[in-house]
Amino acid sequence: MTTADQDGWDGPDPARLYVITRGRSGPAGPGVFDLVTLIVSRAEPTPTMQPEHAAILRLCRSPLSVAEVSAYLELPTSVVTVLLADLLDDGRIEARAAVPKAELPERALLEAVIHGLQRL
C-alpha cells in the first residue's frame, strides 16, 4: 500500500524532503527569494554535488523563476528555497529580482500627445 493509499497524501515523501534539506525548514539568512525571483546558474554541476543542487544548476542555465524551478523539480517551494540559498551562499547561482512593472506616464502627458497627434 502506498502513502497516498494510506492517508491521502500523494506528494513527495516527507522523509526525503528532510534529507534533501538536511533538516532545515528555510534559508538561514534573510528572505532573498520569492516566487518570481529569477535564478541563473553561475557554475556547472560537479560530480560530488547533491543531485537536487546539480539539477538546479542545469535547469537555470537560462533564467527561471523560483516557482518554475520548484515545478520542474516537483519539490515544494520551501525546499527549493533552502537549496537555492545553499547555491547562492556558494556563489553558484545569481538571484535577480523580477522585472518590475513599467510605470505609466502621467495622464496629462498622454492627453498632450493625443491632442498633438490629432492636430497633424
C-alpha atoms as a PDB file:
ATOM      1  CA  MET A   1       0.000   0.000   0.000  1.00  0.00           C
ATOM      2  CA  THR A   2       1.403   3.424  -0.956  1.00  0.00           C
ATOM      3  CA  THR A   3       1.471   6.506   1.214  1.00  0.00           C
ATOM      4  CA  ALA A   4      -1.298   8.022  -0.917  1.00  0.00           C
ATOM      5  CA  ASP A   5      -3.492   4.973  -0.262  1.00  0.00           C
ATOM      6  CA  GLN A   6      -2.956   5.196   3.495  1.00  0.00           C
ATOM      7  CA  ASP A   7      -3.588   8.862   4.250  1.00  0.00           C
ATOM      8  CA  GLY A   8      -4.488  10.653   1.023  1.00  0.00           C
ATOM      9  CA  TRP A   9      -1.051  12.305   0.739  1.00  0.00           C
ATOM     10  CA  ASP A  10       0.359  11.942  -2.765  1.00  0.00           C
ATOM     11  CA  GLY A  11       3.191  14.484  -2.543  1.00  0.00           C
ATOM     12  CA  PRO A  12       6.905  13.875  -2.035  1.00  0.00           C
ATOM     13  CA  ASP A  13       7.937  11.679   0.865  1.00  0.00           C
ATOM     14  CA  PRO A  14       8.439  13.930   3.915  1.00  0.00           C
ATOM     15  CA  ALA A  15      11.487  11.917   4.994  1.00  0.00           C
ATOM     16  CA  ARG A  16      13.083  12.510   1.587  1.00  0.00           C
ATOM     17  CA  LEU A  17      12.442  16.261   1.863  1.00  0.00           C
ATOM     18  CA  TYR A  18      14.019  16.254   5.326  1.00  0.00           C
ATOM     19  CA  VAL A  19      17.134  14.565   3.921  1.00  0.00           C
ATOM     20  CA  ILE A  20      17.337  16.903   0.905  1.00  0.00           C
ATOM     21  CA  THR A  21      17.295  19.996   3.140  1.00  0.00           C
ATOM     22  CA  ARG A  22      19.390  18.386   5.877  1.00  0.00           C
ATOM     23  CA  GLY A  23      16.589  19.108   8.330  1.00  0.00           C
ATOM     24  CA  ARG A  24      16.358  22.822   7.598  1.00  0.00           C
ATOM     25  CA  SER A  25      12.938  24.367   7.111  1.00  0.00           C
ATOM     26  CA  GLY A  26      14.053  27.583   5.445  1.00  0.00           C
ATOM     27  CA  PRO A  27      17.078  29.574   4.303  1.00  0.00           C
ATOM     28  CA  ALA A  28      19.412  30.633   7.116  1.00  0.00           C
ATOM     29  CA  GLY A  29      19.656  34.269   6.003  1.00  0.00           C
ATOM     30  CA  PRO A  30      17.064  36.899   5.193  1.00  0.00           C
ATOM     31  CA  GLY A  31      14.428  36.020   2.598  1.00  0.00           C
ATOM     32  CA  VAL A  32      16.116  36.617  -0.758  1.00  0.00           C
ATOM     33  CA  PHE A  33      13.707  34.516  -2.760  1.00  0.00           C
ATOM     34  CA  ASP A  34      10.084  34.945  -3.669  1.00  0.00           C
ATOM     35  CA  LEU A  35       8.168  33.031  -6.330  1.00  0.00           C
ATOM     36  CA  VAL A  36       9.164  35.377  -9.160  1.00  0.00           C
ATOM     37  CA  THR A  37      12.842  35.799  -8.282  1.00  0.00           C
ATOM     38  CA  LEU A  38      14.868  34.786 -11.335  1.00  0.00           C
ATOM     39  CA  ILE A  39      17.643  32.248 -10.825  1.00  0.00           C
ATOM     40  CA  VAL A  40      20.648  31.957 -13.168  1.00  0.00           C
ATOM     41  CA  SER A  41      23.480  29.429 -12.891  1.00  0.00           C
ATOM     42  CA  ARG A  42      26.987  30.801 -12.487  1.00  0.00           C
ATOM     43  CA  ALA A  43      28.702  27.389 -12.344  1.00  0.00           C
ATOM     44  CA  GLU A  44      28.456  23.891 -13.729  1.00  0.00           C
ATOM     45  CA  PRO A  45      27.414  20.950 -11.545  1.00  0.00           C
ATOM     46  CA  THR A  46      30.165  18.836 -10.029  1.00  0.00           C
ATOM     47  CA  PRO A  47      30.074  15.026  -9.613  1.00  0.00           C
ATOM     48  CA  THR A  48      30.131  15.251  -5.800  1.00  0.00           C
ATOM     49  CA  MET A  49      27.213  17.669  -5.628  1.00  0.00           C
ATOM     50  CA  GLN A  50      23.818  16.765  -4.177  1.00  0.00           C
ATOM     51  CA  PRO A  51      21.598  15.672  -7.127  1.00  0.00           C
ATOM     52  CA  GLU A  52      18.997  18.385  -6.492  1.00  0.00           C
ATOM     53  CA  HIS A  53      21.664  21.104  -6.464  1.00  0.00           C
ATOM     54  CA  ALA A  54      23.077  19.768  -9.742  1.00  0.00           C
ATOM     55  CA  ALA A  55      19.587  19.679 -11.276  1.00  0.00           C
ATOM     56  CA  ILE A  56      19.027  23.328 -10.338  1.00  0.00           C
ATOM     57  CA  LEU A  57      22.312  24.362 -11.956  1.00  0.00           C
ATOM     58  CA  ARG A  58      21.396  22.513 -15.149  1.00  0.00           C
ATOM     59  CA  LEU A  59      17.865  23.933 -15.235  1.00  0.00           C
ATOM     60  CA  CYS A  60      18.939  27.515 -14.615  1.00  0.00           C
ATOM     61  CA  ARG A  61      21.388  27.931 -17.477  1.00  0.00           C
ATOM     62  CA  SER A  62      18.673  30.267 -18.743  1.00  0.00           C
ATOM     63  CA  PRO A  63      16.846  32.375 -16.145  1.00  0.00           C
ATOM     64  CA  LEU A  64      13.972  30.608 -14.386  1.00  0.00           C
ATOM     65  CA  SER A  65      11.759  31.805 -11.561  1.00  0.00           C
ATOM     66  CA  VAL A  66      11.753  30.058  -8.199  1.00  0.00           C
ATOM     67  CA  ALA A  67       8.224  28.829  -8.975  1.00  0.00           C
ATOM     68  CA  GLU A  68       9.396  27.287 -12.263  1.00  0.00           C
ATOM     69  CA  VAL A  69      12.361  25.568 -10.608  1.00  0.00           C
ATOM     70  CA  SER A  70      10.015  24.181  -7.967  1.00  0.00           C
ATOM     71  CA  ALA A  71       7.615  22.888 -10.632  1.00  0.00           C
ATOM     72  CA  TYR A  72      10.342  21.291 -12.764  1.00  0.00           C
ATOM     73  CA  LEU A  73      11.881  19.538  -9.755  1.00  0.00           C
ATOM     74  CA  GLU A  74       8.455  18.584  -8.389  1.00  0.00           C
ATOM     75  CA  LEU A  75       9.517  19.825  -4.956  1.00  0.00           C
ATOM     76  CA  PRO A  76       7.779  22.260  -2.598  1.00  0.00           C
ATOM     77  CA  THR A  77       8.891  25.857  -2.909  1.00  0.00           C
ATOM     78  CA  SER A  78      10.073  25.845   0.710  1.00  0.00           C
ATOM     79  CA  VAL A  79      12.512  23.022  -0.079  1.00  0.00           C
ATOM     80  CA  VAL A  80      13.689  24.699  -3.278  1.00  0.00           C
ATOM     81  CA  THR A  81      14.427  27.960  -1.447  1.00  0.00           C
ATOM     82  CA  VAL A  82      16.649  26.070   1.024  1.00  0.00           C
ATOM     83  CA  LEU A  83      18.564  24.511  -1.888  1.00  0.00           C
ATOM     84  CA  LEU A  84      18.811  27.858  -3.687  1.00  0.00           C
ATOM     85  CA  ALA A  85      20.157  29.513  -0.529  1.00  0.00           C
ATOM     86  CA  ASP A  86      22.913  26.872  -0.398  1.00  0.00           C
ATOM     87  CA  LEU A  87      23.849  27.538  -4.026  1.00  0.00           C
ATOM     88  CA  LEU A  88      23.704  31.318  -3.543  1.00  0.00           C
ATOM     89  CA  ASP A  89      25.985  31.097  -0.485  1.00  0.00           C
ATOM     90  CA  ASP A  90      28.461  29.070  -2.569  1.00  0.00           C
ATOM     91  CA  GLY A  91      28.337  31.615  -5.416  1.00  0.00           C
ATOM     92  CA  ARG A  92      26.981  29.011  -7.841  1.00  0.00           C
ATOM     93  CA  ILE A  93      23.808  30.921  -8.747  1.00  0.00           C
ATOM     94  CA  GLU A  94      22.699  34.507  -9.113  1.00  0.00           C
ATOM     95  CA  ALA A  95      19.303  35.659  -7.858  1.00  0.00           C
ATOM     96  CA  ARG A  96      17.738  38.527  -9.771  1.00  0.00           C
ATOM     97  CA  ALA A  97      14.637  40.445  -8.879  1.00  0.00           C
ATOM     98  CA  ALA A  98      11.861  40.032 -11.398  1.00  0.00           C
ATOM     99  CA  VAL A  99      11.469  42.781 -13.962  1.00  0.00           C
ATOM    100  CA  PRO A 100       9.398  45.495 -12.281  1.00  0.00           C
ATOM    101  CA  LYS A 101       6.187  46.719 -13.838  1.00  0.00           C
ATOM    102  CA  ALA A 102       6.714  49.693 -16.085  1.00  0.00           C
ATOM    103  CA  GLU A 103       5.434  52.961 -14.743  1.00  0.00           C
ATOM    104  CA  LEU A 104       2.789  54.519 -16.907  1.00  0.00           C
ATOM    105  CA  PRO A 105       3.251  58.134 -17.938  1.00  0.00           C
ATOM    106  CA  GLU A 106       1.038  60.749 -16.380  1.00  0.00           C
ATOM    107  CA  ARG A 107      -2.413  61.186 -17.833  1.00  0.00           C
ATOM    108  CA  ALA A 108      -1.694  64.831 -18.757  1.00  0.00           C
ATOM    109  CA  LEU A 109       1.287  63.762 -20.879  1.00  0.00           C
ATOM    110  CA  LEU A 110      -0.777  61.156 -22.708  1.00  0.00           C
ATOM    111  CA  GLU A 111      -3.533  63.681 -23.382  1.00  0.00           C
ATOM    112  CA  ALA A 112      -0.999  66.198 -24.696  1.00  0.00           C
ATOM    113  CA  VAL A 113       0.422  63.588 -27.075  1.00  0.00           C
ATOM    114  CA  ILE A 114      -3.055  62.621 -28.306  1.00  0.00           C
ATOM    115  CA  HIS A 115      -4.001  66.289 -28.892  1.00  0.00           C
ATOM    116  CA  GLY A 116      -0.733  66.864 -30.725  1.00  0.00           C
ATOM    117  CA  LEU A 117      -1.348  63.843 -32.960  1.00  0.00           C
ATOM    118  CA  GLN A 118      -4.909  64.985 -33.671  1.00  0.00           C
ATOM    119  CA  ARG A 119      -3.603  68.371 -34.885  1.00  0.00           C
ATOM    120  CA  LEU A 120      -1.417  66.715 -37.507  1.00  0.00           C
END
